[in-house]
Amino acid sequence: MFGKGSRKLETIVGNDTRIGGKVIVTGTIRVDGIVEGDVQADWVVVGETGKILGNTRTRGMVVGGSVEGDIEATETVELRERATMVGEIHAPKLAVSEGAVFDGRARMKGDAEPAGIQEGKIRSLIPTRTAGA
C-alpha cells in the first residue's frame, strides 16, 4: 500500500472529528472522521467511517469510506469494497474492488485521447460497410 520510506502514519483524523479547510500533511494521513476541504499528503487512507468533501492531491490513496471531489494521484488509487467515490480520478493505476461505488470519470495520466475523438462524441469500434462494397 505504501511506497518506500512512507510506512509511518503521521496524522489521524478521528472518528468523531470534523475538520474544515485545506489540510496539508507531509507523510501519511488517515481519515476516519470528516474533512471538508482539500487534502494534500504523500499518502491518504480514508477509513470506512471517513469522508473527504474536497479535492485530494497525493502519491497514493486507499478509499474505504466516502470521497466527494477529484483525486489526483501520481502513483495509485484503490477503492475498497465499501468505498463511495463521486468525482474524477487522475492516476496511472486504479483498482476498484467489487462492491465499491464510483460515480465519475477516471483518466490514466499521460494517456492522450486518440486524434479525432472529442468529449461527447461516440466512435464505433466496428467498421461499417460503405455503399457499393
C-alpha atoms as a PDB file:
ATOM      1  CA  MET A   1       0.000   0.000   0.000  1.00  0.00           C
ATOM      2  CA  PHE A   2       2.738   2.475   0.895  1.00  0.00           C
ATOM      3  CA  GLY A   3       5.915   3.225  -1.000  1.00  0.00           C
ATOM      4  CA  LYS A   4       9.447   3.068   0.350  1.00  0.00           C
ATOM      5  CA  GLY A   5      10.013   5.386   3.281  1.00  0.00           C
ATOM      6  CA  SER A   6       6.267   6.115   3.691  1.00  0.00           C
ATOM      7  CA  ARG A   7       5.177   3.326   6.026  1.00  0.00           C
ATOM      8  CA  LYS A   8       4.703   5.610   9.014  1.00  0.00           C
ATOM      9  CA  LEU A   9       1.246   7.031   9.759  1.00  0.00           C
ATOM     10  CA  GLU A  10       1.775  10.659  10.809  1.00  0.00           C
ATOM     11  CA  THR A  11      -1.740  12.144  11.029  1.00  0.00           C
ATOM     12  CA  ILE A  12      -5.092  10.689  12.079  1.00  0.00           C
ATOM     13  CA  VAL A  13      -8.464  12.409  11.814  1.00  0.00           C
ATOM     14  CA  GLY A  14     -10.504  10.513  14.407  1.00  0.00           C
ATOM     15  CA  ASN A  15     -13.992   9.071  14.013  1.00  0.00           C
ATOM     16  CA  ASP A  16     -15.761  11.934  15.843  1.00  0.00           C
ATOM     17  CA  THR A  17     -13.617  14.691  14.313  1.00  0.00           C
ATOM     18  CA  ARG A  18     -14.704  17.211  11.677  1.00  0.00           C
ATOM     19  CA  ILE A  19     -12.115  19.458  10.002  1.00  0.00           C
ATOM     20  CA  GLY A  20     -12.971  22.403   7.745  1.00  0.00           C
ATOM     21  CA  GLY A  21     -10.384  23.924   5.433  1.00  0.00           C
ATOM     22  CA  LYS A  22      -7.329  22.837   3.464  1.00  0.00           C
ATOM     23  CA  VAL A  23      -5.235  20.069   5.054  1.00  0.00           C
ATOM     24  CA  ILE A  24      -1.577  19.679   4.058  1.00  0.00           C
ATOM     25  CA  VAL A  25       0.393  16.777   5.525  1.00  0.00           C
ATOM     26  CA  THR A  26       3.954  15.622   4.934  1.00  0.00           C
ATOM     27  CA  GLY A  27       3.672  11.844   5.098  1.00  0.00           C
ATOM     28  CA  THR A  28       0.503   9.816   5.549  1.00  0.00           C
ATOM     29  CA  ILE A  29      -2.940  10.884   6.773  1.00  0.00           C
ATOM     30  CA  ARG A  30      -5.743   8.538   7.815  1.00  0.00           C
ATOM     31  CA  VAL A  31      -9.257   9.988   7.773  1.00  0.00           C
ATOM     32  CA  ASP A  32     -11.865   8.243   9.936  1.00  0.00           C
ATOM     33  CA  GLY A  33     -13.840  11.450  10.567  1.00  0.00           C
ATOM     34  CA  ILE A  34     -14.853  14.186   8.108  1.00  0.00           C
ATOM     35  CA  VAL A  35     -12.618  16.601   6.215  1.00  0.00           C
ATOM     36  CA  GLU A  36     -14.478  19.423   4.452  1.00  0.00           C
ATOM     37  CA  GLY A  37     -11.819  20.903   2.207  1.00  0.00           C
ATOM     38  CA  ASP A  38      -8.898  19.923   0.032  1.00  0.00           C
ATOM     39  CA  VAL A  39      -6.334  17.372   1.236  1.00  0.00           C
ATOM     40  CA  GLN A  40      -2.711  17.221   0.177  1.00  0.00           C
ATOM     41  CA  ALA A  41      -0.457  14.457   1.521  1.00  0.00           C
ATOM     42  CA  ASP A  42       2.078  11.874   0.417  1.00  0.00           C
ATOM     43  CA  TRP A  43      -0.433   9.070   1.134  1.00  0.00           C
ATOM     44  CA  VAL A  44      -4.119   9.252   2.075  1.00  0.00           C
ATOM     45  CA  VAL A  45      -6.148   6.488   3.715  1.00  0.00           C
ATOM     46  CA  VAL A  46      -9.902   7.014   4.116  1.00  0.00           C
ATOM     47  CA  GLY A  47     -11.303   4.527   6.622  1.00  0.00           C
ATOM     48  CA  GLU A  48     -14.804   3.040   6.339  1.00  0.00           C
ATOM     49  CA  THR A  49     -16.228   5.818   8.559  1.00  0.00           C
ATOM     50  CA  GLY A  50     -14.135   8.524   6.882  1.00  0.00           C
ATOM     51  CA  LYS A  51     -15.328  11.168   4.443  1.00  0.00           C
ATOM     52  CA  ILE A  52     -13.500  13.771   2.358  1.00  0.00           C
ATOM     53  CA  LEU A  53     -15.557  16.566   0.800  1.00  0.00           C
ATOM     54  CA  GLY A  54     -12.971  18.222  -1.421  1.00  0.00           C
ATOM     55  CA  ASN A  55     -10.158  17.544  -3.846  1.00  0.00           C
ATOM     56  CA  THR A  56      -7.177  15.362  -2.973  1.00  0.00           C
ATOM     57  CA  ARG A  57      -3.587  15.538  -4.280  1.00  0.00           C
ATOM     58  CA  THR A  58      -1.376  12.624  -3.281  1.00  0.00           C
ATOM     59  CA  ARG A  59       1.091   9.954  -4.349  1.00  0.00           C
ATOM     60  CA  GLY A  60      -1.351   7.200  -3.473  1.00  0.00           C
ATOM     61  CA  MET A  61      -4.770   6.776  -1.881  1.00  0.00           C
ATOM     62  CA  VAL A  62      -6.841   3.958  -0.403  1.00  0.00           C
ATOM     63  CA  VAL A  63     -10.559   4.705  -0.006  1.00  0.00           C
ATOM     64  CA  GLY A  64     -12.694   2.586   2.306  1.00  0.00           C
ATOM     65  CA  GLY A  65     -15.225   5.332   3.096  1.00  0.00           C
ATOM     66  CA  SER A  66     -16.536   8.250   1.062  1.00  0.00           C
ATOM     67  CA  VAL A  67     -14.917  10.868  -1.173  1.00  0.00           C
ATOM     68  CA  GLU A  68     -16.782  13.670  -2.957  1.00  0.00           C
ATOM     69  CA  GLY A  69     -14.283  15.549  -5.079  1.00  0.00           C
ATOM     70  CA  ASP A  70     -11.454  14.921  -7.501  1.00  0.00           C
ATOM     71  CA  ILE A  71      -8.445  12.730  -6.749  1.00  0.00           C
ATOM     72  CA  GLU A  72      -5.106  13.402  -8.402  1.00  0.00           C
ATOM     73  CA  ALA A  73      -2.533  10.716  -7.580  1.00  0.00           C
ATOM     74  CA  THR A  74       0.948  10.279  -9.028  1.00  0.00           C
ATOM     75  CA  GLU A  75       1.061   6.527  -8.275  1.00  0.00           C
ATOM     76  CA  THR A  76      -2.141   4.659  -7.362  1.00  0.00           C
ATOM     77  CA  VAL A  77      -5.760   4.867  -6.180  1.00  0.00           C
ATOM     78  CA  GLU A  78      -7.620   1.941  -4.643  1.00  0.00           C
ATOM     79  CA  LEU A  79     -11.371   1.900  -3.980  1.00  0.00           C
ATOM     80  CA  ARG A  80     -12.196  -0.802  -1.415  1.00  0.00           C
ATOM     81  CA  GLU A  81     -15.454  -2.816  -1.127  1.00  0.00           C
ATOM     82  CA  ARG A  82     -17.398  -0.226   0.901  1.00  0.00           C
ATOM     83  CA  ALA A  83     -15.968   2.852  -0.836  1.00  0.00           C
ATOM     84  CA  THR A  84     -18.111   5.566  -2.415  1.00  0.00           C
ATOM     85  CA  MET A  85     -16.392   7.958  -4.797  1.00  0.00           C
ATOM     86  CA  VAL A  86     -18.053  10.843  -6.668  1.00  0.00           C
ATOM     87  CA  GLY A  87     -15.721  12.841  -8.900  1.00  0.00           C
ATOM     88  CA  GLU A  88     -12.760  12.436 -11.225  1.00  0.00           C
ATOM     89  CA  ILE A  89      -9.749  10.234 -10.622  1.00  0.00           C
ATOM     90  CA  HIS A  90      -6.455  11.031 -12.348  1.00  0.00           C
ATOM     91  CA  ALA A  91      -3.910   8.274 -11.617  1.00  0.00           C
ATOM     92  CA  PRO A  92      -1.628   5.888 -13.505  1.00  0.00           C
ATOM     93  CA  LYS A  93      -3.072   2.920 -11.554  1.00  0.00           C
ATOM     94  CA  LEU A  94      -6.666   2.418 -10.380  1.00  0.00           C
ATOM     95  CA  ALA A  95      -8.089  -0.586  -8.527  1.00  0.00           C
ATOM     96  CA  VAL A  96     -11.843  -0.844  -7.855  1.00  0.00           C
ATOM     97  CA  SER A  97     -12.994  -3.680  -5.590  1.00  0.00           C
ATOM     98  CA  GLU A  98     -16.323  -5.424  -6.073  1.00  0.00           C
ATOM     99  CA  GLY A  99     -18.963  -3.525  -4.107  1.00  0.00           C
ATOM    100  CA  ALA A 100     -17.305  -0.111  -4.449  1.00  0.00           C
ATOM    101  CA  VAL A 101     -19.410   2.707  -5.930  1.00  0.00           C
ATOM    102  CA  PHE A 102     -17.664   5.027  -8.390  1.00  0.00           C
ATOM    103  CA  ASP A 103     -19.723   7.810  -9.977  1.00  0.00           C
ATOM    104  CA  GLY A 104     -17.411   9.876 -12.100  1.00  0.00           C
ATOM    105  CA  ARG A 105     -14.608   9.652 -14.553  1.00  0.00           C
ATOM    106  CA  ALA A 106     -11.149   8.093 -14.472  1.00  0.00           C
ATOM    107  CA  ARG A 107      -8.148   9.162 -16.519  1.00  0.00           C
ATOM    108  CA  MET A 108      -4.795   7.495 -16.693  1.00  0.00           C
ATOM    109  CA  LYS A 109      -2.091  10.164 -16.539  1.00  0.00           C
ATOM    110  CA  GLY A 110      -0.130  10.583 -19.724  1.00  0.00           C
ATOM    111  CA  ASP A 111      -2.705   8.878 -21.925  1.00  0.00           C
ATOM    112  CA  ALA A 112      -3.946  11.286 -24.557  1.00  0.00           C
ATOM    113  CA  GLU A 113      -7.250  10.822 -26.319  1.00  0.00           C
ATOM    114  CA  PRO A 114      -6.839   9.438 -29.838  1.00  0.00           C
ATOM    115  CA  ALA A 115      -6.971  12.040 -32.591  1.00  0.00           C
ATOM    116  CA  GLY A 116     -10.467  12.788 -33.809  1.00  0.00           C
ATOM    117  CA  ILE A 117     -12.204  11.805 -30.568  1.00  0.00           C
ATOM    118  CA  GLN A 118     -13.934  14.593 -28.758  1.00  0.00           C
ATOM    119  CA  GLU A 119     -15.793  14.526 -25.494  1.00  0.00           C
ATOM    120  CA  GLY A 120     -19.448  13.684 -26.008  1.00  0.00           C
ATOM    121  CA  LYS A 121     -18.847  12.035 -29.396  1.00  0.00           C
ATOM    122  CA  ILE A 122     -19.305   8.297 -29.923  1.00  0.00           C
ATOM    123  CA  ARG A 123     -16.982   6.426 -32.221  1.00  0.00           C
ATOM    124  CA  SER A 124     -17.903   2.945 -33.410  1.00  0.00           C
ATOM    125  CA  LEU A 125     -15.291   0.220 -32.931  1.00  0.00           C
ATOM    126  CA  ILE A 126     -16.956  -1.918 -35.601  1.00  0.00           C
ATOM    127  CA  PRO A 127     -16.124  -0.943 -39.182  1.00  0.00           C
ATOM    128  CA  THR A 128     -19.207  -0.032 -41.218  1.00  0.00           C
ATOM    129  CA  ARG A 129     -19.665  -1.081 -44.808  1.00  0.00           C
ATOM    130  CA  THR A 130     -19.895   1.619 -47.379  1.00  0.00           C
ATOM    131  CA  ALA A 131     -22.356   1.512 -50.267  1.00  0.00           C
ATOM    132  CA  GLY A 132     -21.037  -0.497 -53.193  1.00  0.00           C
ATOM    133  CA  ALA A 133     -18.574  -2.543 -51.162  1.00  0.00           C
END
